[in-house]
PDB file of N, CA and C in Angstrom:
ATOM      1  N   MET A   1      15.798 160.636 216.617  1.00  0.00           N
ATOM      2  CA  MET A   1      15.740 159.364 216.349  1.00  0.00           C
ATOM      3  C   MET A   1      16.833 158.411 217.421  1.00  0.00           C
ATOM      4  N   GLY A   2      17.840 159.367 217.818  1.00  0.00           N
ATOM      5  CA  GLY A   2      18.495 158.622 218.509  1.00  0.00           C
ATOM      6  C   GLY A   2      20.025 158.111 218.301  1.00  0.00           C
ATOM      7  N   GLN A   3      20.777 157.902 218.849  1.00  0.00           N
ATOM      8  CA  GLN A   3      22.081 157.382 218.581  1.00  0.00           C
ATOM      9  C   GLN A   3      22.207 156.138 218.074  1.00  0.00           C
ATOM     10  N   LYS A   4      22.845 155.627 216.988  1.00  0.00           N
ATOM     11  CA  LYS A   4      23.130 154.528 216.141  1.00  0.00           C
ATOM     12  C   LYS A   4      23.771 153.682 217.762  1.00  0.00           C
ATOM     13  N   LEU A   5      23.081 152.543 217.393  1.00  0.00           N
ATOM     14  CA  LEU A   5      23.890 151.289 217.976  1.00  0.00           C
ATOM     15  C   LEU A   5      24.860 150.700 217.076  1.00  0.00           C
ATOM     16  N   HIS A   6      26.045 149.752 218.381  1.00  0.00           N
ATOM     17  CA  HIS A   6      27.046 149.063 217.733  1.00  0.00           C
ATOM     18  C   HIS A   6      26.703 147.686 217.407  1.00  0.00           C
ATOM     19  N   ILE A   7      25.301 147.235 217.887  1.00  0.00           N
ATOM     20  CA  ILE A   7      24.946 146.003 217.184  1.00  0.00           C
ATOM     21  C   ILE A   7      23.611 146.113 216.740  1.00  0.00           C
ATOM     22  N   LYS A   8      23.144 145.040 215.697  1.00  0.00           N
ATOM     23  CA  LYS A   8      22.664 144.983 215.007  1.00  0.00           C
ATOM     24  C   LYS A   8      21.552 143.589 215.151  1.00  0.00           C
ATOM     25  N   LYS A   9      20.628 143.028 215.320  1.00  0.00           N
ATOM     26  CA  LYS A   9      19.548 142.180 214.947  1.00  0.00           C
ATOM     27  C   LYS A   9      20.557 141.041 213.829  1.00  0.00           C
ATOM     28  N   GLY A  10      20.598 139.923 214.377  1.00  0.00           N
ATOM     29  CA  GLY A  10      21.700 139.179 213.811  1.00  0.00           C
ATOM     30  C   GLY A  10      23.004 139.038 213.760  1.00  0.00           C
ATOM     31  N   ASP A  11      23.820 139.683 214.577  1.00  0.00           N
ATOM     32  CA  ASP A  11      25.320 139.604 214.875  1.00  0.00           C
ATOM     33  C   ASP A  11      25.481 138.886 215.778  1.00  0.00           C
ATOM     34  N   ASP A  12      26.970 138.776 215.679  1.00  0.00           N
ATOM     35  CA  ASP A  12      27.493 137.901 216.732  1.00  0.00           C
ATOM     36  C   ASP A  12      28.042 138.680 217.581  1.00  0.00           C
ATOM     37  N   VAL A  13      27.511 138.262 219.077  1.00  0.00           N
ATOM     38  CA  VAL A  13      28.500 138.905 220.072  1.00  0.00           C
ATOM     39  C   VAL A  13      28.637 138.139 221.132  1.00  0.00           C
ATOM     40  N   MET A  14      29.718 138.792 222.063  1.00  0.00           N
ATOM     41  CA  MET A  14      30.015 138.448 223.448  1.00  0.00           C
ATOM     42  C   MET A  14      29.661 139.118 224.340  1.00  0.00           C
ATOM     43  N   VAL A  15      29.453 138.417 225.512  1.00  0.00           N
ATOM     44  CA  VAL A  15      29.259 138.918 226.848  1.00  0.00           C
ATOM     45  C   VAL A  15      30.591 139.391 227.267  1.00  0.00           C
ATOM     46  N   ILE A  16      30.458 140.726 227.949  1.00  0.00           N
ATOM     47  CA  ILE A  16      31.764 141.041 228.469  1.00  0.00           C
ATOM     48  C   ILE A  16      31.615 141.368 229.718  1.00  0.00           C
ATOM     49  N   ALA A  17      30.618 141.754 230.486  1.00  0.00           N
ATOM     50  CA  ALA A  17      30.030 142.019 231.898  1.00  0.00           C
ATOM     51  C   ALA A  17      28.863 140.893 232.258  1.00  0.00           C
ATOM     52  N   GLY A  18      28.646 140.651 233.602  1.00  0.00           N
ATOM     53  CA  GLY A  18      27.537 140.015 234.187  1.00  0.00           C
ATOM     54  C   GLY A  18      27.743 138.583 234.166  1.00  0.00           C
ATOM     55  N   GLU A  19      26.680 138.286 234.880  1.00  0.00           N
ATOM     56  CA  GLU A  19      26.847 136.797 235.015  1.00  0.00           C
ATOM     57  C   GLU A  19      26.983 135.777 233.567  1.00  0.00           C
ATOM     58  N   SER A  20      26.663 135.854 232.590  1.00  0.00           N
ATOM     59  CA  SER A  20      27.019 135.232 231.284  1.00  0.00           C
ATOM     60  C   SER A  20      28.296 135.933 230.596  1.00  0.00           C
ATOM     61  N   LYS A  21      29.267 136.437 231.399  1.00  0.00           N
ATOM     62  CA  LYS A  21      30.273 136.946 230.889  1.00  0.00           C
ATOM     63  C   LYS A  21      31.294 135.955 229.957  1.00  0.00           C
ATOM     64  N   GLY A  22      31.717 136.273 229.130  1.00  0.00           N
ATOM     65  CA  GLY A  22      32.377 135.330 228.168  1.00  0.00           C
ATOM     66  C   GLY A  22      31.348 134.412 227.299  1.00  0.00           C
ATOM     67  N   GLN A  23      30.493 134.284 227.445  1.00  0.00           N
ATOM     68  CA  GLN A  23      29.375 133.259 226.482  1.00  0.00           C
ATOM     69  C   GLN A  23      29.158 134.421 225.192  1.00  0.00           C
ATOM     70  N   GLN A  24      29.047 133.521 223.791  1.00  0.00           N
ATOM     71  CA  GLN A  24      28.872 134.121 222.962  1.00  0.00           C
ATOM     72  C   GLN A  24      27.491 133.713 222.128  1.00  0.00           C
ATOM     73  N   GLY A  25      26.673 134.670 221.354  1.00  0.00           N
ATOM     74  CA  GLY A  25      25.515 134.196 220.919  1.00  0.00           C
ATOM     75  C   GLY A  25      25.119 135.027 219.643  1.00  0.00           C
ATOM     76  N   ARG A  26      24.090 134.863 218.862  1.00  0.00           N
ATOM     77  CA  ARG A  26      23.443 135.694 218.049  1.00  0.00           C
ATOM     78  C   ARG A  26      22.309 136.420 218.292  1.00  0.00           C
ATOM     79  N   VAL A  27      22.543 138.048 218.448  1.00  0.00           N
ATOM     80  CA  VAL A  27      21.225 138.814 218.406  1.00  0.00           C
ATOM     81  C   VAL A  27      19.909 138.505 217.834  1.00  0.00           C
ATOM     82  N   LEU A  28      18.772 137.981 218.651  1.00  0.00           N
ATOM     83  CA  LEU A  28      17.737 138.150 218.035  1.00  0.00           C
ATOM     84  C   LEU A  28      16.621 139.345 217.839  1.00  0.00           C
ATOM     85  N   MET A  29      17.127 140.155 218.864  1.00  0.00           N
ATOM     86  CA  MET A  29      16.058 141.535 218.955  1.00  0.00           C
ATOM     87  C   MET A  29      16.982 142.404 219.424  1.00  0.00           C
ATOM     88  N   VAL A  30      16.698 143.921 218.985  1.00  0.00           N
ATOM     89  CA  VAL A  30      17.530 144.969 219.670  1.00  0.00           C
ATOM     90  C   VAL A  30      16.408 146.013 220.248  1.00  0.00           C
ATOM     91  N   ASN A  31      16.707 146.539 221.326  1.00  0.00           N
ATOM     92  CA  ASN A  31      15.400 147.725 221.496  1.00  0.00           C
ATOM     93  C   ASN A  31      16.267 148.845 221.716  1.00  0.00           C
ATOM     94  N   PRO A  32      16.246 149.469 220.582  1.00  0.00           N
ATOM     95  CA  PRO A  32      17.185 151.015 220.905  1.00  0.00           C
ATOM     96  C   PRO A  32      16.448 152.017 222.010  1.00  0.00           C
ATOM     97  N   ALA A  33      15.303 152.171 222.142  1.00  0.00           N
ATOM     98  CA  ALA A  33      15.127 152.947 222.920  1.00  0.00           C
ATOM     99  C   ALA A  33      15.532 152.388 224.489  1.00  0.00           C
ATOM    100  N   ALA A  34      15.320 151.255 224.935  1.00  0.00           N
ATOM    101  CA  ALA A  34      15.827 150.774 226.058  1.00  0.00           C
ATOM    102  C   ALA A  34      17.308 150.262 226.182  1.00  0.00           C
ATOM    103  N   LYS A  35      17.886 150.651 225.001  1.00  0.00           N
ATOM    104  CA  LYS A  35      19.354 150.200 224.595  1.00  0.00           C
ATOM    105  C   LYS A  35      19.860 148.475 225.314  1.00  0.00           C
ATOM    106  N   THR A  36      18.945 147.591 224.807  1.00  0.00           N
ATOM    107  CA  THR A  36      18.716 146.553 225.281  1.00  0.00           C
ATOM    108  C   THR A  36      19.066 145.505 224.171  1.00  0.00           C
ATOM    109  N   ALA A  37      19.363 144.359 224.122  1.00  0.00           N
ATOM    110  CA  ALA A  37      19.135 143.229 223.274  1.00  0.00           C
ATOM    111  C   ALA A  37      18.936 141.790 223.546  1.00  0.00           C
ATOM    112  N   ILE A  38      18.271 141.117 222.967  1.00  0.00           N
ATOM    113  CA  ILE A  38      18.041 139.953 223.505  1.00  0.00           C
ATOM    114  C   ILE A  38      18.798 138.878 222.817  1.00  0.00           C
ATOM    115  N   VAL A  39      19.752 138.359 223.352  1.00  0.00           N
ATOM    116  CA  VAL A  39      20.843 137.069 222.891  1.00  0.00           C
ATOM    117  C   VAL A  39      20.488 135.567 222.827  1.00  0.00           C
ATOM    118  N   GLU A  40      20.387 135.170 221.905  1.00  0.00           N
ATOM    119  CA  GLU A  40      20.048 133.433 221.760  1.00  0.00           C
ATOM    120  C   GLU A  40      20.862 132.593 222.722  1.00  0.00           C
ATOM    121  N   GLY A  41      20.238 132.137 223.509  1.00  0.00           N
ATOM    122  CA  GLY A  41      20.685 131.150 224.565  1.00  0.00           C
ATOM    123  C   GLY A  41      21.709 132.287 225.757  1.00  0.00           C
ATOM    124  N   ILE A  42      21.715 133.182 226.119  1.00  0.00           N
ATOM    125  CA  ILE A  42      22.067 133.836 226.897  1.00  0.00           C
ATOM    126  C   ILE A  42      21.143 134.878 227.942  1.00  0.00           C
ATOM    127  N   ASN A  43      21.440 134.589 229.162  1.00  0.00           N
ATOM    128  CA  ASN A  43      20.429 135.354 230.141  1.00  0.00           C
ATOM    129  C   ASN A  43      19.350 134.730 230.092  1.00  0.00           C
ATOM    130  N   MET A  44      19.240 133.770 230.461  1.00  0.00           N
ATOM    131  CA  MET A  44      17.994 132.657 230.376  1.00  0.00           C
ATOM    132  C   MET A  44      17.313 132.905 231.693  1.00  0.00           C
ATOM    133  N   VAL A  45      16.411 132.910 232.021  1.00  0.00           N
ATOM    134  CA  VAL A  45      15.249 133.134 232.815  1.00  0.00           C
ATOM    135  C   VAL A  45      14.110 132.314 232.937  1.00  0.00           C
ATOM    136  N   SER A  46      13.865 131.962 233.892  1.00  0.00           N
ATOM    137  CA  SER A  46      12.274 130.793 234.145  1.00  0.00           C
ATOM    138  C   SER A  46      11.356 131.602 234.063  1.00  0.00           C
ATOM    139  N   LYS A  47      10.099 131.551 233.464  1.00  0.00           N
ATOM    140  CA  LYS A  47       9.064 132.281 233.582  1.00  0.00           C
ATOM    141  C   LYS A  47       7.884 131.357 233.614  1.00  0.00           C
ATOM    142  N   HIS A  48       6.936 131.425 234.626  1.00  0.00           N
ATOM    143  CA  HIS A  48       5.945 130.586 234.924  1.00  0.00           C
ATOM    144  C   HIS A  48       5.110 131.284 233.925  1.00  0.00           C
ATOM    145  N   THR A  49       3.891 130.207 233.399  1.00  0.00           N
ATOM    146  CA  THR A  49       3.271 130.584 232.346  1.00  0.00           C
ATOM    147  C   THR A  49       2.025 129.544 232.948  1.00  0.00           C
ATOM    148  N   ARG A  50       0.773 130.386 232.603  1.00  0.00           N
ATOM    149  CA  ARG A  50      -0.620 129.543 232.896  1.00  0.00           C
ATOM    150  C   ARG A  50      -0.973 128.581 231.428  1.00  0.00           C
ATOM    151  N   PRO A  51      -1.961 128.000 231.618  1.00  0.00           N
ATOM    152  CA  PRO A  51      -2.083 127.049 230.465  1.00  0.00           C
ATOM    153  C   PRO A  51      -2.852 128.149 229.187  1.00  0.00           C
ATOM    154  N   ASN A  52      -2.240 127.835 227.817  1.00  0.00           N
ATOM    155  CA  ASN A  52      -2.693 128.503 226.908  1.00  0.00           C
ATOM    156  C   ASN A  52      -2.884 127.543 225.514  1.00  0.00           C
ATOM    157  N   THR A  53      -3.151 128.291 224.439  1.00  0.00           N
ATOM    158  CA  THR A  53      -3.063 127.476 223.412  1.00  0.00           C
ATOM    159  C   THR A  53      -1.764 126.905 222.871  1.00  0.00           C
ATOM    160  N   ASP A  54      -0.832 127.861 223.230  1.00  0.00           N
ATOM    161  CA  ASP A  54       0.703 127.458 222.594  1.00  0.00           C
ATOM    162  C   ASP A  54       1.393 126.494 223.934  1.00  0.00           C
ATOM    163  N   ASN A  55       0.815 126.359 225.099  1.00  0.00           N
ATOM    164  CA  ASN A  55       1.414 125.853 226.184  1.00  0.00           C
ATOM    165  C   ASN A  55       0.139 125.166 226.808  1.00  0.00           C
ATOM    166  N   PRO A  56      -0.305 124.020 226.458  1.00  0.00           N
ATOM    167  CA  PRO A  56      -1.528 123.612 227.167  1.00  0.00           C
ATOM    168  C   PRO A  56      -1.621 123.103 228.732  1.00  0.00           C
ATOM    169  N   LYS A  57      -0.231 122.567 228.895  1.00  0.00           N
ATOM    170  CA  LYS A  57       0.040 122.307 230.462  1.00  0.00           C
ATOM    171  C   LYS A  57       0.610 123.306 231.164  1.00  0.00           C
ATOM    172  N   GLY A  58       0.701 124.386 230.891  1.00  0.00           N
ATOM    173  CA  GLY A  58       1.436 125.660 231.282  1.00  0.00           C
ATOM    174  C   GLY A  58       3.011 125.425 231.913  1.00  0.00           C
ATOM    175  N   GLY A  59       3.148 125.965 232.910  1.00  0.00           N
ATOM    176  CA  GLY A  59       4.405 125.442 233.846  1.00  0.00           C
ATOM    177  C   GLY A  59       5.655 126.262 233.859  1.00  0.00           C
ATOM    178  N   ILE A  60       6.923 125.826 233.907  1.00  0.00           N
ATOM    179  CA  ILE A  60       7.825 127.112 233.596  1.00  0.00           C
ATOM    180  C   ILE A  60       8.373 126.981 232.515  1.00  0.00           C
ATOM    181  N   VAL A  61       8.721 127.594 231.643  1.00  0.00           N
ATOM    182  CA  VAL A  61       9.371 128.004 230.366  1.00  0.00           C
ATOM    183  C   VAL A  61      10.835 129.070 230.526  1.00  0.00           C
ATOM    184  N   LYS A  62      11.775 128.372 230.116  1.00  0.00           N
ATOM    185  CA  LYS A  62      12.955 129.148 230.197  1.00  0.00           C
ATOM    186  C   LYS A  62      13.034 129.782 228.700  1.00  0.00           C
ATOM    187  N   LYS A  63      13.573 131.298 228.619  1.00  0.00           N
ATOM    188  CA  LYS A  63      13.482 132.314 227.641  1.00  0.00           C
ATOM    189  C   LYS A  63      14.324 132.867 228.132  1.00  0.00           C
ATOM    190  N   GLU A  64      15.418 133.477 227.025  1.00  0.00           N
ATOM    191  CA  GLU A  64      15.997 134.803 226.851  1.00  0.00           C
ATOM    192  C   GLU A  64      15.292 135.881 227.389  1.00  0.00           C
ATOM    193  N   ALA A  65      16.059 136.680 228.698  1.00  0.00           N
ATOM    194  CA  ALA A  65      15.727 138.092 229.127  1.00  0.00           C
ATOM    195  C   ALA A  65      16.817 139.118 228.218  1.00  0.00           C
ATOM    196  N   PRO A  66      16.292 140.255 228.341  1.00  0.00           N
ATOM    197  CA  PRO A  66      17.346 141.373 227.901  1.00  0.00           C
ATOM    198  C   PRO A  66      18.370 141.545 228.399  1.00  0.00           C
ATOM    199  N   ILE A  67      19.335 141.833 227.719  1.00  0.00           N
ATOM    200  CA  ILE A  67      20.582 142.306 228.108  1.00  0.00           C
ATOM    201  C   ILE A  67      20.973 143.627 227.865  1.00  0.00           C
ATOM    202  N   HIS A  68      21.865 144.564 228.539  1.00  0.00           N
ATOM    203  CA  HIS A  68      22.204 146.006 228.131  1.00  0.00           C
ATOM    204  C   HIS A  68      23.386 145.683 227.210  1.00  0.00           C
ATOM    205  N   ILE A  69      23.118 146.873 226.233  1.00  0.00           N
ATOM    206  CA  ILE A  69      24.334 146.583 224.908  1.00  0.00           C
ATOM    207  C   ILE A  69      25.598 147.062 225.504  1.00  0.00           C
ATOM    208  N   SER A  70      26.021 147.883 226.744  1.00  0.00           N
ATOM    209  CA  SER A  70      27.265 147.632 226.934  1.00  0.00           C
ATOM    210  C   SER A  70      27.794 146.910 227.361  1.00  0.00           C
ATOM    211  N   ASN A  71      26.904 145.904 227.946  1.00  0.00           N
ATOM    212  CA  ASN A  71      27.521 144.474 228.084  1.00  0.00           C
ATOM    213  C   ASN A  71      27.706 143.433 226.833  1.00  0.00           C
ATOM    214  N   LEU A  72      27.630 143.983 226.018  1.00  0.00           N
ATOM    215  CA  LEU A  72      28.083 143.113 224.552  1.00  0.00           C
ATOM    216  C   LEU A  72      29.308 143.791 223.998  1.00  0.00           C
ATOM    217  N   MET A  73      29.642 142.962 223.188  1.00  0.00           N
ATOM    218  CA  MET A  73      30.987 143.136 222.357  1.00  0.00           C
ATOM    219  C   MET A  73      30.521 142.426 221.052  1.00  0.00           C
ATOM    220  N   LEU A  74      30.907 143.217 219.898  1.00  0.00           N
ATOM    221  CA  LEU A  74      30.597 142.411 218.654  1.00  0.00           C
ATOM    222  C   LEU A  74      31.525 141.508 218.467  1.00  0.00           C
ATOM    223  N   ILE A  75      31.798 140.307 217.494  1.00  0.00           N
ATOM    224  CA  ILE A  75      32.368 139.385 216.930  1.00  0.00           C
ATOM    225  C   ILE A  75      32.657 139.804 215.464  1.00  0.00           C
ATOM    226  N   ASP A  76      33.943 140.072 214.818  1.00  0.00           N
ATOM    227  CA  ASP A  76      34.537 140.210 213.626  1.00  0.00           C
ATOM    228  C   ASP A  76      34.264 138.827 212.972  1.00  0.00           C
ATOM    229  N   GLY A  77      34.617 138.789 211.778  1.00  0.00           N
ATOM    230  CA  GLY A  77      34.640 137.712 210.841  1.00  0.00           C
ATOM    231  C   GLY A  77      35.758 136.951 211.353  1.00  0.00           C
ATOM    232  N   LYS A  78      37.199 137.216 212.076  1.00  0.00           N
ATOM    233  CA  LYS A  78      37.853 135.963 212.443  1.00  0.00           C
ATOM    234  C   LYS A  78      37.280 135.380 213.579  1.00  0.00           C
ATOM    235  N   GLY A  79      36.570 135.873 214.452  1.00  0.00           N
ATOM    236  CA  GLY A  79      36.337 135.297 215.539  1.00  0.00           C
ATOM    237  C   GLY A  79      36.577 136.155 217.007  1.00  0.00           C
ATOM    238  N   ASN A  80      37.022 137.280 216.275  1.00  0.00           N
ATOM    239  CA  ASN A  80      37.739 138.291 217.607  1.00  0.00           C
ATOM    240  C   ASN A  80      36.659 139.124 218.209  1.00  0.00           C
ATOM    241  N   ALA A  81      36.685 139.028 219.211  1.00  0.00           N
ATOM    242  CA  ALA A  81      35.667 140.572 219.967  1.00  0.00           C
ATOM    243  C   ALA A  81      36.291 141.991 219.902  1.00  0.00           C
ATOM    244  N   THR A  82      35.584 142.722 219.071  1.00  0.00           N
ATOM    245  CA  THR A  82      36.063 143.885 218.893  1.00  0.00           C
ATOM    246  C   THR A  82      35.206 145.129 219.223  1.00  0.00           C
ATOM    247  N   ARG A  83      35.816 146.199 218.987  1.00  0.00           N
ATOM    248  CA  ARG A  83      35.241 147.443 219.111  1.00  0.00           C
ATOM    249  C   ARG A  83      34.985 147.939 217.385  1.00  0.00           C
ATOM    250  N   ILE A  84      33.917 148.799 217.084  1.00  0.00           N
ATOM    251  CA  ILE A  84      33.712 149.291 215.900  1.00  0.00           C
ATOM    252  C   ILE A  84      34.325 150.578 215.526  1.00  0.00           C
ATOM    253  N   ASN A  85      34.472 150.843 214.156  1.00  0.00           N
ATOM    254  CA  ASN A  85      34.498 152.158 213.545  1.00  0.00           C
ATOM    255  C   ASN A  85      33.628 152.381 212.621  1.00  0.00           C
ATOM    256  N   ARG A  86      33.195 153.767 212.410  1.00  0.00           N
ATOM    257  CA  ARG A  86      31.756 153.668 211.259  1.00  0.00           C
ATOM    258  C   ARG A  86      32.606 154.727 209.987  1.00  0.00           C
ATOM    259  N   GLN A  87      32.648 153.988 209.192  1.00  0.00           N
ATOM    260  CA  GLN A  87      33.078 154.715 207.725  1.00  0.00           C
ATOM    261  C   GLN A  87      32.128 154.822 206.429  1.00  0.00           C
ATOM    262  N   LYS A  88      32.525 156.203 205.787  1.00  0.00           N
ATOM    263  CA  LYS A  88      31.585 156.305 204.675  1.00  0.00           C
ATOM    264  C   LYS A  88      32.142 155.299 203.470  1.00  0.00           C
ATOM    265  N   ASP A  89      30.859 154.318 202.856  1.00  0.00           N
ATOM    266  CA  ASP A  89      31.879 153.552 201.494  1.00  0.00           C
ATOM    267  C   ASP A  89      31.695 154.414 200.492  1.00  0.00           C
ATOM    268  N   GLU A  90      33.298 154.656 199.609  1.00  0.00           N
ATOM    269  CA  GLU A  90      33.389 155.320 198.509  1.00  0.00           C
ATOM    270  C   GLU A  90      32.445 155.257 197.555  1.00  0.00           C
ATOM    271  N   ASN A  91      31.811 153.826 197.556  1.00  0.00           N
ATOM    272  CA  ASN A  91      31.095 153.744 196.133  1.00  0.00           C
ATOM    273  C   ASN A  91      29.808 154.045 196.220  1.00  0.00           C
ATOM    274  N   THR A  92      29.174 153.376 197.745  1.00  0.00           N
ATOM    275  CA  THR A  92      27.634 153.866 197.603  1.00  0.00           C
ATOM    276  C   THR A  92      27.810 155.014 198.839  1.00  0.00           C
ATOM    277  N   GLY A  93      28.468 155.414 199.287  1.00  0.00           N
ATOM    278  CA  GLY A  93      28.109 156.997 200.261  1.00  0.00           C
ATOM    279  C   GLY A  93      27.439 156.219 201.317  1.00  0.00           C
ATOM    280  N   LYS A  94      27.334 154.785 201.759  1.00  0.00           N
ATOM    281  CA  LYS A  94      26.474 154.786 202.988  1.00  0.00           C
ATOM    282  C   LYS A  94      27.592 154.308 203.957  1.00  0.00           C
ATOM    283  N   SER A  95      27.284 154.605 205.537  1.00  0.00           N
ATOM    284  CA  SER A  95      28.106 154.251 206.511  1.00  0.00           C
ATOM    285  C   SER A  95      28.114 152.692 206.636  1.00  0.00           C
ATOM    286  N   GLN A  96      29.342 152.133 207.106  1.00  0.00           N
ATOM    287  CA  GLN A  96      29.593 150.756 207.402  1.00  0.00           C
ATOM    288  C   GLN A  96      30.617 150.564 208.520  1.00  0.00           C
ATOM    289  N   ARG A  97      30.444 149.352 209.163  1.00  0.00           N
ATOM    290  CA  ARG A  97      31.143 149.043 210.367  1.00  0.00           C
ATOM    291  C   ARG A  97      32.234 148.513 209.981  1.00  0.00           C
ATOM    292  N   ILE A  98      33.593 148.945 210.499  1.00  0.00           N
ATOM    293  CA  ILE A  98      34.453 148.483 210.403  1.00  0.00           C
ATOM    294  C   ILE A  98      35.378 148.036 211.703  1.00  0.00           C
ATOM    295  N   SER A  99      35.722 146.744 211.888  1.00  0.00           N
ATOM    296  CA  SER A  99      36.212 146.051 212.894  1.00  0.00           C
ATOM    297  C   SER A  99      37.833 146.900 213.542  1.00  0.00           C
ATOM    298  N   LYS A 100      38.031 147.144 214.408  1.00  0.00           N
ATOM    299  CA  LYS A 100      39.193 148.142 215.079  1.00  0.00           C
ATOM    300  C   LYS A 100      40.203 147.021 215.075  1.00  0.00           C
ATOM    301  N   LYS A 101      40.061 146.281 215.348  1.00  0.00           N
ATOM    302  CA  LYS A 101      41.269 145.065 215.303  1.00  0.00           C
ATOM    303  C   LYS A 101      41.686 144.667 214.242  1.00  0.00           C
ATOM    304  N   SER A 102      40.799 143.858 213.196  1.00  0.00           N
ATOM    305  CA  SER A 102      41.439 143.412 212.035  1.00  0.00           C
ATOM    306  C   SER A 102      41.098 144.381 210.776  1.00  0.00           C
ATOM    307  N   GLY A 103      40.439 145.539 211.015  1.00  0.00           N
ATOM    308  CA  GLY A 103      40.305 146.655 209.845  1.00  0.00           C
ATOM    309  C   GLY A 103      39.204 146.178 208.850  1.00  0.00           C
ATOM    310  N   GLU A 104      38.463 144.820 208.927  1.00  0.00           N
ATOM    311  CA  GLU A 104      37.793 144.631 207.945  1.00  0.00           C
ATOM    312  C   GLU A 104      36.281 144.802 208.198  1.00  0.00           C
ATOM    313  N   ALA A 105      35.487 144.865 206.857  1.00  0.00           N
ATOM    314  CA  ALA A 105      33.710 145.550 207.011  1.00  0.00           C
ATOM    315  C   ALA A 105      33.496 144.256 207.791  1.00  0.00           C
ATOM    316  N   ILE A 106      32.489 144.907 208.864  1.00  0.00           N
ATOM    317  CA  ILE A 106      31.447 143.919 209.335  1.00  0.00           C
ATOM    318  C   ILE A 106      30.698 144.042 208.718  1.00  0.00           C
ATOM    319  N   LYS A 107      29.736 142.400 208.254  1.00  0.00           N
ATOM    320  CA  LYS A 107      28.297 142.466 207.652  1.00  0.00           C
ATOM    321  C   LYS A 107      27.017 142.324 208.358  1.00  0.00           C
TER     322      LYS A 107
END
């Protein structure tokens, strides 16, 4: 199955390296096989499209491109970029992500 990634779909992340360094956004999609994620408003590229039913005129469309997850850092509930720690919850027995900075569970 592969190793667990530190980010999931819907997480708020900060870019820590590359052209978009310092920008924040929400994860729209994660590809565990390629270890990449698509983040809302980050790593925008121009794609030339032919006319189709969605876009009758065609032209140039701006869209998000994948970014490697090693260049992303999770943002905890207090708005700080943080590393994560995994701990088992005593009540449910499931693993949950804990912020290394604040010590709070990440939803």
